Amino acid sequence: MTLTKDDLHGLFTAIVTPFTADGAVDYEAVKALVKRQLAAGATGIVPIGGTGEYPALSRGERAGVVSACVEAAGGAPVLPGVLSTGYEDALEAGHDFLAAGAAGLMLVTPYYAVGPQEGMRAYFARYRDVVDLPLMAYEIPRRTNAGLSPETYGRLAEDGTIIGMKFSNYDVPGFIATLREAGDQLAVLSGEEPLFATHVALGAKGGVLASASLYPEYWIKVFDLARSGDLAGALEMQHRIDPVLTAIYRETNPGPLKALMKMAGQDVGPVRLPLTAPSAETMAMLTAVLGRIGQSEAA
């Protein structure tokens, strides 16, 4: 069955990529992580985005992670990230992930060589024509220095190029404008934990969240509250986890997140260079927030 915008709702966990102690991909741990997420209530899985250390993996490793996720997901949608800089490399990744059984792709906005809006729109359209998988656009301008306008998203949705987007941006007026231009034609998903409840209350269909690798049930509760109209209750829950977010994003993701997962009994191994283990100051913050939130609230 082909994925549609109506399938993009609730929590899609942006999972970490587990490594062994010597730095190899731990495919069995990938499968276990996927199964934990789905058992907790996640709708689907988004592997090998920034949280999954896409740039640090080889082409073969990326395909292997996607294959392991699909095997463990048992039919739940797996939408791997495609974070390659250039079109041809992104195309290779898309074909690999299609062969591995992905239900769709999360394609990042073109970056480094940043084109005009029409060029970036054409990039997505040509990609969708060549790779026969539904696309979710990935907007994260603080990493890419590139973004699509609400009007461009409207065109991409209208012509069927994309079925959804991950909005990793603190621009709330831009978020509202995107919903206005395209919200009835594509699923807009939040990619920002600090704004998650607000995004859902404004019209987001769900979220693609990194910290859900450790706290999926927690974020599902926040989502349910916000979706039901209880924004105050959702924000109260969200504020409780704010210290965790401060700690895990103090250094480049996913180093602190992986460290916190190990503290909580889910050892997913180290990060790969150029990322390194968290500093002593960050480790102290992680220890403090784990005690504050409590291991019982980690899935």
Protein backbone atom coordinates (compact mmCIF):
# COMPACT_ATOMS: atom_id res chain seq x y z
CA MET A 1 0.00 0.00 0.00
CA THR A 2 1.37 3.41 -0.99
CA LEU A 3 1.92 5.83 1.87
CA THR A 4 -0.28 8.96 1.83
CA LYS A 5 -0.40 12.15 3.86
CA ASP A 6 -3.06 10.57 6.06
CA ASP A 7 -0.52 7.97 7.21
CA LEU A 8 1.77 10.67 8.61
CA HIS A 9 0.35 11.31 12.05
CA GLY A 10 1.38 10.84 15.66
CA LEU A 11 4.95 10.08 16.66
CA PHE A 12 7.62 9.18 14.13
CA THR A 13 10.77 8.54 16.11
CA ALA A 14 14.03 9.87 14.68
CA ILE A 15 16.09 7.00 16.04
CA VAL A 16 19.78 6.96 16.84
CA THR A 17 22.02 4.47 15.05
CA PRO A 18 23.37 2.01 17.63
CA PHE A 19 27.05 1.14 17.38
CA THR A 20 29.09 -1.55 19.08
CA ALA A 21 31.88 -0.55 21.45
CA ASP A 22 34.37 -0.66 18.56
CA GLY A 23 32.19 1.55 16.37
CA ALA A 24 30.49 -0.93 14.02
CA VAL A 25 26.77 -0.65 13.32
CA ASP A 26 24.87 -2.88 15.75
CA TYR A 27 22.04 -4.12 13.55
CA GLU A 28 20.47 -6.25 16.27
CA ALA A 29 20.31 -3.20 18.53
CA VAL A 30 18.70 -1.29 15.64
CA LYS A 31 15.95 -3.90 15.48
CA ALA A 32 15.46 -3.87 19.24
CA LEU A 33 15.19 -0.07 19.28
CA VAL A 34 12.58 -0.11 16.51
CA LYS A 35 10.51 -2.73 18.32
CA ARG A 36 10.61 -0.74 21.57
CA GLN A 37 9.40 2.38 19.77
CA LEU A 38 6.47 0.66 18.09
CA ALA A 39 5.51 -1.18 21.27
CA ALA A 40 5.38 2.20 23.02
CA GLY A 41 2.92 3.50 20.42
CA ALA A 42 5.05 5.22 17.78
CA THR A 43 3.40 5.36 14.36
CA GLY A 44 6.61 4.92 12.42
CA ILE A 45 10.39 5.16 12.33
CA VAL A 46 12.72 7.71 10.75
CA PRO A 47 16.25 6.22 10.75
CA ILE A 48 19.56 7.75 9.61
CA GLY A 49 18.64 11.40 9.74
CA GLY A 50 20.91 13.73 11.65
CA THR A 51 20.11 11.85 14.86
CA GLY A 52 21.03 8.62 13.07
CA GLU A 53 24.43 10.07 12.00
CA TYR A 54 23.76 9.83 8.26
CA PRO A 55 27.02 11.59 7.26
CA ALA A 56 29.09 9.17 9.35
CA LEU A 57 27.68 6.01 7.73
CA SER A 58 28.83 4.36 4.53
CA ARG A 59 26.38 3.76 1.71
CA GLY A 60 26.21 0.07 2.61
CA GLU A 61 25.67 0.78 6.29
CA ARG A 62 22.79 3.13 5.54
CA ALA A 63 21.04 0.50 3.42
CA GLY A 64 21.70 -2.08 6.13
CA VAL A 65 20.14 0.11 8.83
CA VAL A 66 17.05 0.68 6.69
CA SER A 67 16.73 -3.03 5.99
CA ALA A 68 17.00 -3.83 9.70
CA CYS A 69 14.37 -1.21 10.53
CA VAL A 70 11.96 -2.55 7.91
CA GLU A 71 12.43 -6.09 9.20
CA ALA A 72 11.74 -5.06 12.78
CA ALA A 73 8.87 -2.69 11.95
CA GLY A 74 6.54 -5.45 10.80
CA GLY A 75 4.71 -3.24 8.33
CA ALA A 76 4.85 0.05 10.24
CA PRO A 77 6.19 2.84 7.99
CA VAL A 78 9.93 3.41 7.83
CA LEU A 79 10.99 6.72 6.24
CA PRO A 80 14.78 6.98 6.23
CA GLY A 81 16.51 10.29 5.92
CA VAL A 82 18.32 11.23 2.71
CA LEU A 83 20.82 13.90 3.75
CA SER A 84 23.24 13.73 0.83
CA THR A 85 24.52 17.06 -0.45
CA GLY A 86 24.12 16.44 -4.17
CA TYR A 87 21.32 15.11 -6.33
CA GLU A 88 23.17 12.06 -7.71
CA ASP A 89 24.28 10.86 -4.26
CA ALA A 90 20.76 11.44 -2.94
CA LEU A 91 19.40 9.44 -5.87
CA GLU A 92 21.67 6.49 -5.08
CA ALA A 93 20.50 6.54 -1.48
CA GLY A 94 16.85 6.68 -2.51
CA HIS A 95 17.20 3.67 -4.78
CA ASP A 96 19.03 1.75 -2.03
CA PHE A 97 16.29 2.52 0.49
CA LEU A 98 13.55 1.60 -1.96
CA ALA A 99 15.22 -1.78 -2.46
CA ALA A 100 15.51 -2.17 1.33
CA GLY A 101 11.75 -1.79 1.74
CA ALA A 102 11.32 1.81 2.90
CA ALA A 103 7.75 3.12 2.78
CA GLY A 104 8.91 6.64 1.96
CA LEU A 105 11.85 9.01 2.25
CA MET A 106 12.63 12.11 4.28
CA LEU A 107 14.55 14.22 1.74
CA VAL A 108 16.45 17.21 3.10
CA THR A 109 16.30 20.54 1.31
CA PRO A 110 19.29 20.96 -1.05
CA TYR A 111 22.18 22.66 0.73
CA TYR A 112 25.74 23.89 0.31
CA ALA A 113 24.97 24.85 -3.32
CA VAL A 114 21.72 26.58 -2.44
CA GLY A 115 19.47 27.32 -5.39
CA PRO A 116 16.51 29.67 -5.77
CA GLN A 117 13.05 28.52 -4.76
CA GLU A 118 12.24 27.30 -8.27
CA GLY A 119 15.46 25.32 -8.42
CA MET A 120 14.80 23.62 -5.10
CA ARG A 121 11.19 22.90 -6.09
CA ALA A 122 12.44 21.32 -9.31
CA TYR A 123 14.99 19.27 -7.31
CA PHE A 124 12.22 17.65 -5.26
CA ALA A 125 9.98 17.16 -8.30
CA ARG A 126 12.69 15.49 -10.38
CA TYR A 127 13.70 13.30 -7.46
CA ARG A 128 10.12 12.09 -6.97
CA ASP A 129 9.83 11.33 -10.68
CA VAL A 130 12.92 9.10 -10.56
CA VAL A 131 12.58 7.42 -7.15
CA ASP A 132 9.19 5.79 -6.83
CA LEU A 133 8.62 6.50 -3.15
CA PRO A 134 6.48 9.09 -1.33
CA LEU A 135 8.52 12.02 -0.09
CA MET A 136 8.53 13.96 3.15
CA ALA A 137 10.53 17.18 2.88
CA TYR A 138 13.01 17.90 5.67
CA GLU A 139 13.33 21.56 6.57
CA ILE A 140 16.15 22.35 9.00
CA PRO A 141 17.69 25.70 8.05
CA ARG A 142 19.95 25.98 11.10
CA ARG A 143 21.90 23.00 9.70
CA THR A 144 21.48 23.58 5.97
CA ASN A 145 21.19 27.37 5.64
CA ALA A 146 18.45 26.61 3.13
CA GLY A 147 14.70 26.45 3.28
CA LEU A 148 11.59 26.42 1.16
CA SER A 149 8.98 29.13 1.33
CA PRO A 150 5.39 28.36 2.34
CA GLU A 151 4.38 29.08 -1.24
CA THR A 152 6.89 26.54 -2.56
CA TYR A 153 5.55 23.93 -0.16
CA GLY A 154 2.09 24.74 -1.45
CA ARG A 155 3.21 24.02 -5.02
CA LEU A 156 4.99 20.80 -4.04
CA ALA A 157 1.89 19.60 -2.23
CA GLU A 158 -0.48 20.62 -5.00
CA ASP A 159 1.39 18.71 -7.69
CA GLY A 160 1.81 15.63 -5.49
CA THR A 161 5.60 15.81 -5.19
CA ILE A 162 5.53 15.54 -1.39
CA ILE A 163 3.02 14.11 1.07
CA GLY A 164 4.47 15.74 4.17
CA MET A 165 7.27 17.69 5.76
CA LYS A 166 9.33 17.77 8.94
CA PHE A 167 9.43 21.36 10.16
CA SER A 168 12.65 21.76 12.18
CA ASN A 169 12.53 25.50 12.52
CA TYR A 170 11.69 27.97 15.32
CA ASP A 171 9.92 30.29 12.87
CA VAL A 172 6.34 30.08 14.20
CA PRO A 173 4.92 32.62 11.70
CA GLY A 174 6.55 30.59 8.94
CA PHE A 175 4.99 27.43 10.35
CA ILE A 176 1.54 29.06 10.36
CA ALA A 177 2.06 30.31 6.81
CA THR A 178 3.07 26.82 5.67
CA LEU A 179 -0.10 25.37 7.18
CA ARG A 180 -2.10 28.07 5.44
CA GLU A 181 -0.52 27.36 2.06
CA ALA A 182 -0.33 23.58 2.19
CA GLY A 183 -1.80 22.20 5.41
CA ASP A 184 -4.84 20.69 3.72
CA GLN A 185 -2.69 18.92 1.09
CA LEU A 186 0.22 17.56 3.08
CA ALA A 187 0.99 16.42 6.62
CA VAL A 188 3.10 18.96 8.46
CA LEU A 189 5.08 17.29 11.27
CA SER A 190 6.94 19.12 13.99
CA GLY A 191 10.66 18.55 14.33
CA GLU A 192 11.15 20.76 17.37
CA GLU A 193 10.51 19.33 20.83
CA PRO A 194 10.29 22.76 22.53
CA LEU A 195 7.53 23.74 20.10
CA PHE A 196 5.92 20.33 19.68
CA ALA A 197 2.76 20.94 21.70
CA THR A 198 2.31 24.37 20.13
CA HIS A 199 2.84 23.01 16.63
CA VAL A 200 0.24 20.29 17.23
CA ALA A 201 -2.24 22.79 18.64
CA LEU A 202 -1.71 24.94 15.53
CA GLY A 203 -2.31 22.04 13.17
CA ALA A 204 0.71 19.72 12.98
CA LYS A 205 -0.33 16.10 12.46
CA GLY A 206 2.43 14.81 14.71
CA GLY A 207 6.17 14.99 15.06
CA VAL A 208 9.53 13.51 14.10
CA LEU A 209 11.38 13.73 17.41
CA ALA A 210 14.88 12.63 18.39
CA SER A 211 14.42 12.49 22.17
CA ALA A 212 11.62 9.99 21.58
CA SER A 213 14.42 7.45 21.11
CA LEU A 214 14.38 7.42 24.92
CA TYR A 215 10.95 8.87 25.81
CA PRO A 216 8.41 7.75 23.16
CA GLU A 217 5.49 7.27 25.55
CA TYR A 218 6.07 10.66 27.09
CA TRP A 219 5.86 12.46 23.75
CA ILE A 220 2.79 10.47 22.74
CA LYS A 221 1.06 11.73 25.88
CA VAL A 222 2.03 15.31 25.01
CA PHE A 223 0.68 14.78 21.50
CA ASP A 224 -2.62 13.35 22.72
CA LEU A 225 -3.15 16.27 25.10
CA ALA A 226 -2.37 18.91 22.48
CA ARG A 227 -4.47 17.19 19.83
CA SER A 228 -7.44 16.96 22.19
CA GLY A 229 -7.35 20.73 22.77
CA ASP A 230 -5.65 20.67 26.17
CA LEU A 231 -2.69 22.84 25.20
CA ALA A 232 -2.13 23.92 28.81
CA GLY A 233 -1.81 20.30 29.91
CA ALA A 234 0.45 19.47 26.97
CA LEU A 235 2.70 22.43 27.74
CA GLU A 236 2.86 21.48 31.41
CA MET A 237 4.13 18.02 30.42
CA GLN A 238 6.51 19.49 27.87
CA HIS A 239 8.00 21.90 30.41
CA ARG A 240 8.84 18.94 32.65
CA ILE A 241 11.12 17.54 29.98
CA ASP A 242 12.69 20.90 29.08
CA PRO A 243 15.79 20.23 31.27
CA VAL A 244 16.36 17.01 29.34
CA LEU A 245 16.18 18.88 26.05
CA THR A 246 18.60 21.52 27.30
CA ALA A 247 21.07 18.81 28.26
CA ILE A 248 20.84 16.62 25.18
CA TYR A 249 21.09 19.52 22.74
CA ARG A 250 23.88 21.30 24.64
CA GLU A 251 26.34 19.61 22.27
CA THR A 252 25.82 18.27 18.78
CA ASN A 253 23.10 15.63 18.59
CA PRO A 254 23.16 12.65 19.16
CA GLY A 255 26.19 12.48 21.47
CA PRO A 256 24.43 13.56 24.68
CA LEU A 257 21.27 11.65 23.73
CA LYS A 258 23.22 8.42 23.34
CA ALA A 259 24.93 9.04 26.68
CA LEU A 260 21.57 9.60 28.38
CA MET A 261 20.16 6.44 26.82
CA LYS A 262 23.06 4.46 28.26
CA MET A 263 22.41 5.97 31.71
CA ALA A 264 18.78 4.88 31.40
CA GLY A 265 19.75 1.29 30.61
CA GLN A 266 19.65 1.47 26.81
CA ASP A 267 23.26 1.27 25.69
CA VAL A 268 23.37 2.24 22.00
CA GLY A 269 27.11 2.73 21.87
CA PRO A 270 29.25 5.77 21.04
CA VAL A 271 29.07 8.37 18.27
CA ARG A 272 31.38 8.47 15.29
CA LEU A 273 33.91 11.17 14.50
CA PRO A 274 33.90 14.10 14.17
CA LEU A 275 31.43 13.83 17.07
CA THR A 276 32.86 12.85 20.42
CA ALA A 277 31.62 11.78 23.85
CA PRO A 278 29.93 14.59 25.81
CA SER A 279 32.04 16.87 27.99
CA ALA A 280 32.19 16.45 31.75
CA GLU A 281 29.88 19.44 32.18
CA THR A 282 27.27 17.94 29.86
CA MET A 283 27.56 14.54 31.53
CA ALA A 284 26.83 16.19 34.88
CA MET A 285 23.74 17.83 33.41
CA LEU A 286 22.60 14.52 31.95
CA THR A 287 22.98 12.80 35.30
CA ALA A 288 20.90 15.51 36.96
CA VAL A 289 18.07 15.44 34.42
CA LEU A 290 17.85 11.65 34.40
CA GLY A 291 17.17 11.76 38.10
CA ARG A 292 14.64 14.54 37.68
CA ILE A 293 12.62 12.90 34.90
CA GLY A 294 13.08 9.36 36.18
CA GLN A 295 14.01 6.16 34.45
CA SER A 296 10.45 4.91 34.81
CA GLU A 297 9.33 7.38 32.15
CA ALA A 298 11.76 6.06 29.55
CA ALA A 299 10.36 3.29 27.38
